[in-house]
C-alpha atoms as a PDB file:
ATOM      1  CA  MET A   1      -9.045  16.957  11.407  1.00  0.00           C
ATOM      2  CA  LYS A   2     -11.684  17.038   8.710  1.00  0.00           C
ATOM      3  CA  LEU A   3     -12.358  15.346   5.414  1.00  0.00           C
ATOM      4  CA  ASN A   4     -11.217  17.149   2.277  1.00  0.00           C
ATOM      5  CA  ILE A   5     -13.088  16.489  -0.973  1.00  0.00           C
ATOM      6  CA  VAL A   6     -10.785  16.754  -3.989  1.00  0.00           C
ATOM      7  CA  PRO A   7     -11.576  16.813  -7.731  1.00  0.00           C
ATOM      8  CA  ALA A   8     -11.186  13.634  -9.756  1.00  0.00           C
ATOM      9  CA  SER A   9      -8.114  15.006 -11.534  1.00  0.00           C
ATOM     10  CA  THR A  10      -6.252  14.964  -8.221  1.00  0.00           C
ATOM     11  CA  GLY A  11      -5.915  11.201  -8.646  1.00  0.00           C
ATOM     12  CA  LEU A  12      -3.550  11.704 -11.569  1.00  0.00           C
ATOM     13  CA  THR A  13      -1.632  14.265  -9.520  1.00  0.00           C
ATOM     14  CA  TRP A  14      -1.095  11.613  -6.846  1.00  0.00           C
ATOM     15  CA  VAL A  15       0.389   9.315  -9.466  1.00  0.00           C
ATOM     16  CA  LYS A  16       2.726  12.036 -10.742  1.00  0.00           C
ATOM     17  CA  LEU A  17       3.833  12.990  -7.232  1.00  0.00           C
ATOM     18  CA  GLY A  18       4.480   9.350  -6.387  1.00  0.00           C
ATOM     19  CA  VAL A  19       6.685   8.869  -9.433  1.00  0.00           C
ATOM     20  CA  LYS A  20       8.471  12.189  -8.901  1.00  0.00           C
ATOM     21  CA  THR A  21       9.169  11.556  -5.210  1.00  0.00           C
ATOM     22  CA  PHE A  22      10.336   8.008  -5.884  1.00  0.00           C
ATOM     23  CA  LEU A  23      12.809   9.272  -8.471  1.00  0.00           C
ATOM     24  CA  GLN A  24      14.185  11.756  -5.926  1.00  0.00           C
ATOM     25  CA  GLN A  25      15.247   8.881  -3.659  1.00  0.00           C
ATOM     26  CA  PRO A  26      14.969   5.723  -5.801  1.00  0.00           C
ATOM     27  CA  LEU A  27      17.561   3.731  -3.878  1.00  0.00           C
ATOM     28  CA  ALA A  28      16.043   4.478  -0.478  1.00  0.00           C
ATOM     29  CA  MET A  29      12.395   4.035  -1.457  1.00  0.00           C
ATOM     30  CA  SER A  30      12.963   0.805  -3.371  1.00  0.00           C
ATOM     31  CA  GLY A  31      15.297  -0.506  -0.665  1.00  0.00           C
ATOM     32  CA  LEU A  32      12.734   0.136   2.073  1.00  0.00           C
ATOM     33  CA  PHE A  33      10.004  -1.568   0.080  1.00  0.00           C
ATOM     34  CA  PHE A  34      12.220  -4.572  -0.636  1.00  0.00           C
ATOM     35  CA  LEU A  35      13.131  -4.743   3.068  1.00  0.00           C
ATOM     36  CA  TYR A  36       9.457  -4.761   4.014  1.00  0.00           C
ATOM     37  CA  MET A  37       8.719  -7.484   1.456  1.00  0.00           C
ATOM     38  CA  ALA A  38      11.657  -9.553   2.699  1.00  0.00           C
ATOM     39  CA  VAL A  39      10.514  -9.308   6.320  1.00  0.00           C
ATOM     40  CA  GLY A  40       6.953 -10.190   5.347  1.00  0.00           C
ATOM     41  CA  THR A  41       8.131 -13.177   3.313  1.00  0.00           C
ATOM     42  CA  LEU A  42      10.337 -14.469   6.132  1.00  0.00           C
ATOM     43  CA  LEU A  43       7.519 -14.105   8.648  1.00  0.00           C
ATOM     44  CA  SER A  44       5.113 -15.982   6.382  1.00  0.00           C
ATOM     45  CA  LEU A  45       7.513 -18.942   6.375  1.00  0.00           C
ATOM     46  CA  LEU A  46       7.239 -19.375  10.142  1.00  0.00           C
ATOM     47  CA  PRO A  47       5.012 -22.274  11.201  1.00  0.00           C
ATOM     48  CA  VAL A  48       1.513 -21.694  12.615  1.00  0.00           C
ATOM     49  CA  LEU A  49       1.591 -17.919  13.223  1.00  0.00           C
ATOM     50  CA  GLY A  50       3.810 -16.877  10.329  1.00  0.00           C
ATOM     51  CA  LEU A  51       1.068 -15.845   7.910  1.00  0.00           C
ATOM     52  CA  ILE A  52      -0.811 -13.991  10.647  1.00  0.00           C
ATOM     53  CA  LEU A  53       2.307 -12.010  11.599  1.00  0.00           C
ATOM     54  CA  ALA A  54       2.995 -11.215   7.937  1.00  0.00           C
ATOM     55  CA  PHE A  55      -0.504  -9.756   7.609  1.00  0.00           C
ATOM     56  CA  MET A  56      -0.266  -7.917  10.939  1.00  0.00           C
ATOM     57  CA  ILE A  57       2.762  -5.840   9.936  1.00  0.00           C
ATOM     58  CA  VAL A  58       1.090  -4.463   6.792  1.00  0.00           C
ATOM     59  CA  PRO A  59      -0.552  -1.376   8.414  1.00  0.00           C
ATOM     60  CA  ALA A  60       2.644  -0.488  10.315  1.00  0.00           C
ATOM     61  CA  ALA A  61       4.785  -1.000   7.209  1.00  0.00           C
ATOM     62  CA  THR A  62       2.382   1.131   5.170  1.00  0.00           C
ATOM     63  CA  LEU A  63       2.768   3.921   7.719  1.00  0.00           C
ATOM     64  CA  GLY A  64       6.538   3.481   7.597  1.00  0.00           C
ATOM     65  CA  LEU A  65       6.604   3.865   3.826  1.00  0.00           C
ATOM     66  CA  MET A  66       4.418   6.974   4.100  1.00  0.00           C
ATOM     67  CA  ALA A  67       6.848   8.414   6.650  1.00  0.00           C
ATOM     68  CA  ALA A  68       9.674   7.609   4.231  1.00  0.00           C
ATOM     69  CA  THR A  69       7.866   9.604   1.550  1.00  0.00           C
ATOM     70  CA  GLN A  70       7.744  12.536   3.967  1.00  0.00           C
ATOM     71  CA  GLU A  71      11.494  12.285   4.467  1.00  0.00           C
ATOM     72  CA  ALA A  72      12.099  12.147   0.712  1.00  0.00           C
ATOM     73  CA  LEU A  73       9.956  15.257   0.227  1.00  0.00           C
ATOM     74  CA  LYS A  74      12.211  17.088   2.678  1.00  0.00           C
ATOM     75  CA  GLY A  75      15.249  16.095   0.631  1.00  0.00           C
ATOM     76  CA  LYS A  76      16.416  13.609   3.253  1.00  0.00           C
ATOM     77  CA  PHE A  77      17.537  10.024   2.723  1.00  0.00           C
ATOM     78  CA  PRO A  78      14.998   7.781   4.508  1.00  0.00           C
ATOM     79  CA  MET A  79      16.798   5.359   6.809  1.00  0.00           C
ATOM     80  CA  PRO A  80      15.603   1.784   7.480  1.00  0.00           C
ATOM     81  CA  THR A  81      14.443   2.798  10.972  1.00  0.00           C
ATOM     82  CA  VAL A  82      11.634   4.820   9.383  1.00  0.00           C
ATOM     83  CA  LEU A  83       9.824   1.543   8.696  1.00  0.00           C
ATOM     84  CA  VAL A  84       9.175   1.124  12.429  1.00  0.00           C
ATOM     85  CA  SER A  85       7.884   4.681  12.924  1.00  0.00           C
ATOM     86  CA  ALA A  86       4.544   3.250  14.032  1.00  0.00           C
ATOM     87  CA  PHE A  87       6.207   1.660  17.064  1.00  0.00           C
ATOM     88  CA  ARG A  88       8.165   4.745  18.124  1.00  0.00           C
ATOM     89  CA  ALA A  89       5.270   7.134  18.778  1.00  0.00           C
ATOM     90  CA  GLY A  90       4.444   6.124  22.328  1.00  0.00           C
ATOM     91  CA  ARG A  91       2.887   3.090  23.958  1.00  0.00           C
ATOM     92  CA  GLN A  92      -0.724   4.103  23.314  1.00  0.00           C
ATOM     93  CA  ARG A  93      -0.337   4.558  19.560  1.00  0.00           C
ATOM     94  CA  MET A  94       1.831   1.468  19.310  1.00  0.00           C
ATOM     95  CA  ARG A  95      -0.981  -0.567  20.897  1.00  0.00           C
ATOM     96  CA  ALA A  96      -3.484   1.035  18.540  1.00  0.00           C
ATOM     97  CA  MET A  97      -1.334   0.082  15.544  1.00  0.00           C
ATOM     98  CA  LEU A  98      -1.060  -3.491  16.800  1.00  0.00           C
ATOM     99  CA  VAL A  99      -4.851  -3.658  17.121  1.00  0.00           C
ATOM    100  CA  LEU A 100      -5.144  -2.315  13.589  1.00  0.00           C
ATOM    101  CA  GLY A 101      -2.703  -4.972  12.411  1.00  0.00           C
ATOM    102  CA  ALA A 102      -4.720  -7.692  14.130  1.00  0.00           C
ATOM    103  CA  LEU A 103      -7.915  -6.471  12.463  1.00  0.00           C
ATOM    104  CA  TYR A 104      -6.201  -6.439   9.078  1.00  0.00           C
ATOM    105  CA  ALA A 105      -4.852  -9.954   9.596  1.00  0.00           C
ATOM    106  CA  ALA A 106      -8.317 -11.188  10.570  1.00  0.00           C
ATOM    107  CA  ALA A 107      -9.866  -9.633   7.453  1.00  0.00           C
ATOM    108  CA  CYS A 108      -7.229 -11.110   5.130  1.00  0.00           C
ATOM    109  CA  LEU A 109      -7.430 -14.558   6.714  1.00  0.00           C
ATOM    110  CA  LEU A 110     -11.200 -14.465   6.319  1.00  0.00           C
ATOM    111  CA  ILE A 111     -10.761 -13.803   2.597  1.00  0.00           C
ATOM    112  CA  VAL A 112      -8.239 -16.644   2.337  1.00  0.00           C
ATOM    113  CA  MET A 113     -10.742 -19.019   3.954  1.00  0.00           C
ATOM    114  CA  VAL A 114     -13.790 -17.814   2.010  1.00  0.00           C
ATOM    115  CA  VAL A 115     -12.358 -17.849  -1.541  1.00  0.00           C
ATOM    116  CA  PRO A 116     -12.051 -21.683  -1.803  1.00  0.00           C
ATOM    117  CA  PHE A 117     -15.754 -21.966  -0.918  1.00  0.00           C
ATOM    118  CA  LEU A 118     -16.713 -19.585  -3.727  1.00  0.00           C
ATOM    119  CA  VAL A 119     -14.437 -20.890  -6.484  1.00  0.00           C
ATOM    120  CA  ASP A 120     -12.253 -23.928  -7.038  1.00  0.00           C
ATOM    121  CA  ALA A 121      -8.974 -22.093  -6.448  1.00  0.00           C
ATOM    122  CA  PRO A 122      -6.019 -23.559  -8.394  1.00  0.00           C
ATOM    123  CA  PRO A 123      -2.498 -23.415  -6.939  1.00  0.00           C
ATOM    124  CA  VAL A 124      -0.541 -20.243  -7.699  1.00  0.00           C
ATOM    125  CA  PRO A 125       2.102 -21.053 -10.339  1.00  0.00           C
ATOM    126  CA  LEU A 126       5.741 -20.359  -9.526  1.00  0.00           C
ATOM    127  CA  VAL A 127       7.215 -18.431 -12.445  1.00  0.00           C
ATOM    128  CA  THR A 128      10.930 -18.996 -13.081  1.00  0.00           C
ATOM    129  CA  PRO A 129      12.962 -18.538 -16.270  1.00  0.00           C
ATOM    130  CA  SER A 130      12.727 -22.280 -16.935  1.00  0.00           C
ATOM    131  CA  THR A 131       8.960 -22.442 -16.365  1.00  0.00           C
ATOM    132  CA  ALA A 132       7.978 -19.085 -17.827  1.00  0.00           C
ATOM    133  CA  ASP A 133       5.734 -20.499 -20.567  1.00  0.00           C
ATOM    134  CA  ALA A 134       3.967 -22.974 -18.275  1.00  0.00           C
ATOM    135  CA  GLY A 135       3.479 -20.348 -15.601  1.00  0.00           C
ATOM    136  CA  ARG A 136       2.087 -17.879 -18.109  1.00  0.00           C
ATOM    137  CA  GLU A 137      -0.369 -20.488 -19.413  1.00  0.00           C
ATOM    138  CA  ALA A 138      -1.494 -21.340 -15.871  1.00  0.00           C
ATOM    139  CA  MET A 139      -2.126 -17.685 -15.047  1.00  0.00           C
ATOM    140  CA  MET A 140      -4.152 -17.266 -18.251  1.00  0.00           C
ATOM    141  CA  ALA A 141      -6.415 -20.207 -17.341  1.00  0.00           C
ATOM    142  CA  PRO A 142     -10.047 -19.087 -16.789  1.00  0.00           C
ATOM    143  CA  GLN A 143     -10.227 -20.715 -13.355  1.00  0.00           C
ATOM    144  CA  PHE A 144      -7.117 -18.911 -12.125  1.00  0.00           C
ATOM    145  CA  GLN A 145      -8.377 -15.569 -13.431  1.00  0.00           C
ATOM    146  CA  LEU A 146     -11.784 -16.158 -11.799  1.00  0.00           C
ATOM    147  CA  THR A 147     -10.075 -16.878  -8.497  1.00  0.00           C
ATOM    148  CA  MET A 148      -8.043 -13.681  -8.738  1.00  0.00           C
ATOM    149  CA  LEU A 149     -11.159 -11.668  -9.635  1.00  0.00           C
ATOM    150  CA  VAL A 150     -13.119 -12.995  -6.657  1.00  0.00           C
ATOM    151  CA  THR A 151     -10.163 -12.348  -4.345  1.00  0.00           C
ATOM    152  CA  MET A 152      -9.829  -8.772  -5.599  1.00  0.00           C
ATOM    153  CA  LEU A 153     -13.562  -8.105  -5.176  1.00  0.00           C
ATOM    154  CA  LEU A 154     -13.480  -9.397  -1.606  1.00  0.00           C
ATOM    155  CA  TYR A 155     -10.333  -7.418  -0.821  1.00  0.00           C
ATOM    156  CA  LEU A 156     -11.664  -4.118  -2.195  1.00  0.00           C
ATOM    157  CA  PRO A 157     -13.736  -3.154   0.886  1.00  0.00           C
ATOM    158  CA  VAL A 158     -10.852  -4.231   3.134  1.00  0.00           C
ATOM    159  CA  SER A 159      -8.529  -1.965   1.160  1.00  0.00           C
ATOM    160  CA  LEU A 160     -10.911   0.986   1.546  1.00  0.00           C
ATOM    161  CA  LEU A 161     -11.203   0.412   5.288  1.00  0.00           C
ATOM    162  CA  PHE A 162      -7.448   0.268   5.865  1.00  0.00           C
ATOM    163  CA  TRP A 163      -6.241   2.720   3.196  1.00  0.00           C
ATOM    164  CA  HIS A 164      -5.964   5.762   5.486  1.00  0.00           C
ATOM    165  CA  ALA A 165      -6.313   3.960   8.826  1.00  0.00           C
ATOM    166  CA  PRO A 166      -2.582   3.618   9.704  1.00  0.00           C
ATOM    167  CA  ALA A 167      -1.948   7.325   9.129  1.00  0.00           C
ATOM    168  CA  LEU A 168      -5.082   8.340  11.068  1.00  0.00           C
ATOM    169  CA  VAL A 169      -4.012   6.205  14.022  1.00  0.00           C
ATOM    170  CA  HIS A 170      -0.388   7.378  13.972  1.00  0.00           C
ATOM    171  CA  TRP A 171      -0.626  11.065  13.064  1.00  0.00           C
ATOM    172  CA  HIS A 172      -4.042  11.964  14.458  1.00  0.00           C
ATOM    173  CA  GLY A 173      -4.436   9.571  17.378  1.00  0.00           C
ATOM    174  CA  ILE A 174      -7.740   8.188  16.085  1.00  0.00           C
ATOM    175  CA  SER A 175      -8.842   4.865  17.579  1.00  0.00           C
ATOM    176  CA  PRO A 176      -8.456   1.814  15.290  1.00  0.00           C
ATOM    177  CA  VAL A 177     -12.201   1.266  14.772  1.00  0.00           C
ATOM    178  CA  LYS A 178     -12.900   4.948  14.080  1.00  0.00           C
ATOM    179  CA  SER A 179      -9.931   5.125  11.720  1.00  0.00           C
ATOM    180  CA  LEU A 180     -11.450   2.316   9.638  1.00  0.00           C
ATOM    181  CA  PHE A 181     -14.739   4.209   9.388  1.00  0.00           C
ATOM    182  CA  PHE A 182     -13.077   7.519   8.488  1.00  0.00           C
ATOM    183  CA  SER A 183     -10.859   5.796   5.931  1.00  0.00           C
ATOM    184  CA  PHE A 184     -13.815   4.129   4.238  1.00  0.00           C
ATOM    185  CA  VAL A 185     -15.817   7.371   4.124  1.00  0.00           C
ATOM    186  CA  ALA A 186     -12.839   9.340   2.768  1.00  0.00           C
ATOM    187  CA  CYS A 187     -12.272   6.826  -0.028  1.00  0.00           C
ATOM    188  CA  ILE A 188     -15.962   6.785  -0.976  1.00  0.00           C
ATOM    189  CA  ARG A 189     -16.321  10.587  -0.894  1.00  0.00           C
ATOM    190  CA  ASN A 190     -13.213  10.920  -3.065  1.00  0.00           C
ATOM    191  CA  ALA A 191     -14.163   7.991  -5.291  1.00  0.00           C
ATOM    192  CA  GLY A 192     -13.586  10.006  -8.465  1.00  0.00           C
ATOM    193  CA  ALA A 193     -10.025  10.852  -7.479  1.00  0.00           C
ATOM    194  CA  PHE A 194      -9.299   7.268  -6.462  1.00  0.00           C
ATOM    195  CA  LEU A 195     -10.750   5.993  -9.737  1.00  0.00           C
ATOM    196  CA  MET A 196      -8.402   8.259 -11.685  1.00  0.00           C
ATOM    197  CA  TYR A 197      -5.592   7.245  -9.331  1.00  0.00           C
ATOM    198  CA  GLY A 198      -6.188   3.585 -10.117  1.00  0.00           C
ATOM    199  CA  LEU A 199      -6.507   4.217 -13.844  1.00  0.00           C
ATOM    200  CA  GLY A 200      -3.335   6.286 -13.785  1.00  0.00           C
ATOM    201  CA  TRP A 201      -1.318   3.509 -12.186  1.00  0.00           C
ATOM    202  CA  PHE A 202      -2.912   0.961 -14.499  1.00  0.00           C
ATOM    203  CA  GLY A 203      -1.671   3.055 -17.405  1.00  0.00           C
ATOM    204  CA  VAL A 204       1.837   3.201 -15.936  1.00  0.00           C
ATOM    205  CA  PHE A 205       1.957  -0.564 -15.366  1.00  0.00           C
ATOM    206  CA  LEU A 206       0.508  -1.244 -18.808  1.00  0.00           C
ATOM    207  CA  GLY A 207       3.048   1.042 -20.454  1.00  0.00           C
ATOM    208  CA  ILE A 208       5.930  -0.676 -18.679  1.00  0.00           C
ATOM    209  CA  GLY A 209       4.528  -4.077 -19.647  1.00  0.00           C
ATOM    210  CA  ILE A 210       4.200  -3.088 -23.301  1.00  0.00           C
ATOM    211  CA  ALA A 211       7.750  -1.723 -23.325  1.00  0.00           C
ATOM    212  CA  LEU A 212       9.041  -4.963 -21.814  1.00  0.00           C
ATOM    213  CA  SER A 213       7.115  -7.016 -24.379  1.00  0.00           C
ATOM    214  CA  ILE A 214       8.565  -4.963 -27.235  1.00  0.00           C
ATOM    215  CA  ILE A 215      12.087  -5.443 -25.899  1.00  0.00           C
ATOM    216  CA  THR A 216      11.438  -9.172 -25.529  1.00  0.00           C
ATOM    217  CA  GLY A 217      10.103  -9.333 -29.088  1.00  0.00           C
ATOM    218  CA  LEU A 218      13.144  -7.544 -30.459  1.00  0.00           C
ATOM    219  CA  THR A 219      15.583  -9.756 -28.583  1.00  0.00           C
ATOM    220  CA  GLY A 220      13.556 -12.939 -29.064  1.00  0.00           C
ATOM    221  CA  SER A 221      14.323 -14.027 -25.498  1.00  0.00           C
ATOM    222  CA  ALA A 222      11.451 -15.163 -23.270  1.00  0.00           C
ATOM    223  CA  THR A 223      14.021 -15.821 -20.556  1.00  0.00           C
ATOM    224  CA  LEU A 224      14.824 -12.103 -20.434  1.00  0.00           C
ATOM    225  CA  MET A 225      11.185 -11.230 -19.806  1.00  0.00           C
ATOM    226  CA  ALA A 226      10.812 -13.883 -17.111  1.00  0.00           C
ATOM    227  CA  ALA A 227      13.996 -12.731 -15.375  1.00  0.00           C
ATOM    228  CA  ALA A 228      12.996  -9.061 -15.481  1.00  0.00           C
ATOM    229  CA  MET A 229       9.345  -9.532 -14.557  1.00  0.00           C
ATOM    230  CA  MET A 230       9.668  -9.981 -10.788  1.00  0.00           C
ATOM    231  CA  PRO A 231      12.244  -7.247  -9.991  1.00  0.00           C
ATOM    232  CA  LEU A 232      10.424  -4.824 -12.287  1.00  0.00           C
ATOM    233  CA  ALA A 233       7.087  -5.608 -10.627  1.00  0.00           C
ATOM    234  CA  LEU A 234       8.623  -4.986  -7.193  1.00  0.00           C
ATOM    235  CA  LEU A 235      10.126  -1.721  -8.411  1.00  0.00           C
ATOM    236  CA  MET A 236       6.755  -0.548  -9.720  1.00  0.00           C
ATOM    237  CA  ALA A 237       5.100  -1.596  -6.460  1.00  0.00           C
ATOM    238  CA  ALA A 238       7.675   0.473  -4.560  1.00  0.00           C
ATOM    239  CA  MET A 239       6.860   3.460  -6.750  1.00  0.00           C
ATOM    240  CA  PHE A 240       3.145   2.922  -6.122  1.00  0.00           C
ATOM    241  CA  SER A 241       3.687   2.746  -2.355  1.00  0.00           C
ATOM    242  CA  THR A 242       5.455   6.103  -2.506  1.00  0.00           C
ATOM    243  CA  SER A 243       2.271   7.710  -3.823  1.00  0.00           C
ATOM    244  CA  ILE A 244       0.029   6.486  -0.981  1.00  0.00           C
ATOM    245  CA  TYR A 245       1.117   9.327   1.314  1.00  0.00           C
ATOM    246  CA  PHE A 246      -0.276  11.934  -1.082  1.00  0.00           C
ATOM    247  CA  THR A 247      -3.706  10.282  -1.119  1.00  0.00           C
ATOM    248  CA  PHE A 248      -3.846  10.721   2.653  1.00  0.00           C
ATOM    249  CA  ARG A 249      -2.354  14.205   2.749  1.00  0.00           C
ATOM    250  CA  ASP A 250      -4.944  15.587   0.343  1.00  0.00           C
ATOM    251  CA  SER A 251      -7.928  13.681   1.770  1.00  0.00           C
ATOM    252  CA  PHE A 252      -7.705  15.144   5.282  1.00  0.00           C
ATOM    253  CA  VAL A 253      -7.060  18.613   6.653  1.00  0.00           C
ATOM    254  CA  ALA A 254      -5.699  19.077  10.164  1.00  0.00           C
ATOM    255  CA  THR A 255      -7.721  21.660  12.103  1.00  0.00           C
ATOM    256  CA  PRO A 256      -6.405  23.401  15.245  1.00  0.00           C
ATOM    257  CA  PRO A 257      -8.380  23.133  18.492  1.00  0.00           C
ATOM    258  CA  ASP A 258     -10.946  25.804  19.403  1.00  0.00           C
ATOM    259  CA  ASP A 259      -9.289  28.919  20.852  1.00  0.00           C
ATOM    260  CA  SER A 260     -11.632  28.722  23.840  1.00  0.00           C
ATOM    261  CA  THR A 261      -9.890  25.577  25.035  1.00  0.00           C
ATOM    262  CA  GLY A 262      -6.437  27.118  25.226  1.00  0.00           C
ATOM    263  CA  SER A 263      -4.054  29.719  23.906  1.00  0.00           C
ATOM    264  CA  ALA A 264      -3.022  30.016  20.293  1.00  0.00           C
ATOM    265  CA  GLU A 265       0.464  28.908  21.266  1.00  0.00           C
ATOM    266  CA  ASP A 266      -0.903  25.781  22.966  1.00  0.00           C
ATOM    267  CA  ALA A 267      -2.985  24.985  19.924  1.00  0.00           C
ATOM    268  CA  HIS A 268       0.051  25.354  17.703  1.00  0.00           C
ATOM    269  CA  ASN A 269       2.150  23.090  19.902  1.00  0.00           C
ATOM    270  CA  THR A 270      -0.462  20.337  20.193  1.00  0.00           C
ATOM    271  CA  ASP A 271      -1.647  20.311  16.603  1.00  0.00           C
ATOM    272  CA  ASP A 272      -0.626  16.871  15.273  1.00  0.00           C
ATOM    273  CA  LYS A 273      -0.058  17.125  11.558  1.00  0.00           C
ATOM    274  CA  PRO A 274       1.065  14.416   9.128  1.00  0.00           C
END
């Protein structure tokens, strides 16, 4: 397995492939993402350890969604069991994924604890059709936007560390700590592609938002926008998650073992490809 440096334009290709693959199996991909979100939400409601467990499942769920993308590419309908692919690859890799989940939970909890010391974090407004205007005003408040900016800046290095880590642990058998290092290096070395990837998705989200605003303006119903905002955001997030697999596939190249260590047939049989 070696790092593959791709041109910046590849980032836009990842966006296109994500959208295209999602549209091949929209029901399955959106359903799996909604299932993951539902499980995470339910776990977060548990007392004491709920939030920790919700954070811990993120790497495994990310791997599951990447495996679902693989299934969709093959023309298959991804089943719900694909979400637990990380826990069906043997005891050793399951333990490694659990360690990765624990590291991710620790990093996220650290951010949650640090942010209030850096900024006076206001409560997150609950947006419902009846409180759409108030919620929108609260989210536009400078203090709320500053809090979100600080949170995003702190989360950025965490995102780079864990972006490829679940796939490296599951498909290549890399240890959790090494997978974090390789993931970070891969993201930095392909920074141009990831920049275009981010800009591409920003353009998609912005376009959808503008279209929704135009429809709201034509109908004159703020309630319509508030009601459509959450399901549409989840749908777009599901589409985005479908594209993550392609960022990993193109950033790493699986290399067979040296012929001196075994036969060509053995190398073919043991080569672990995503």
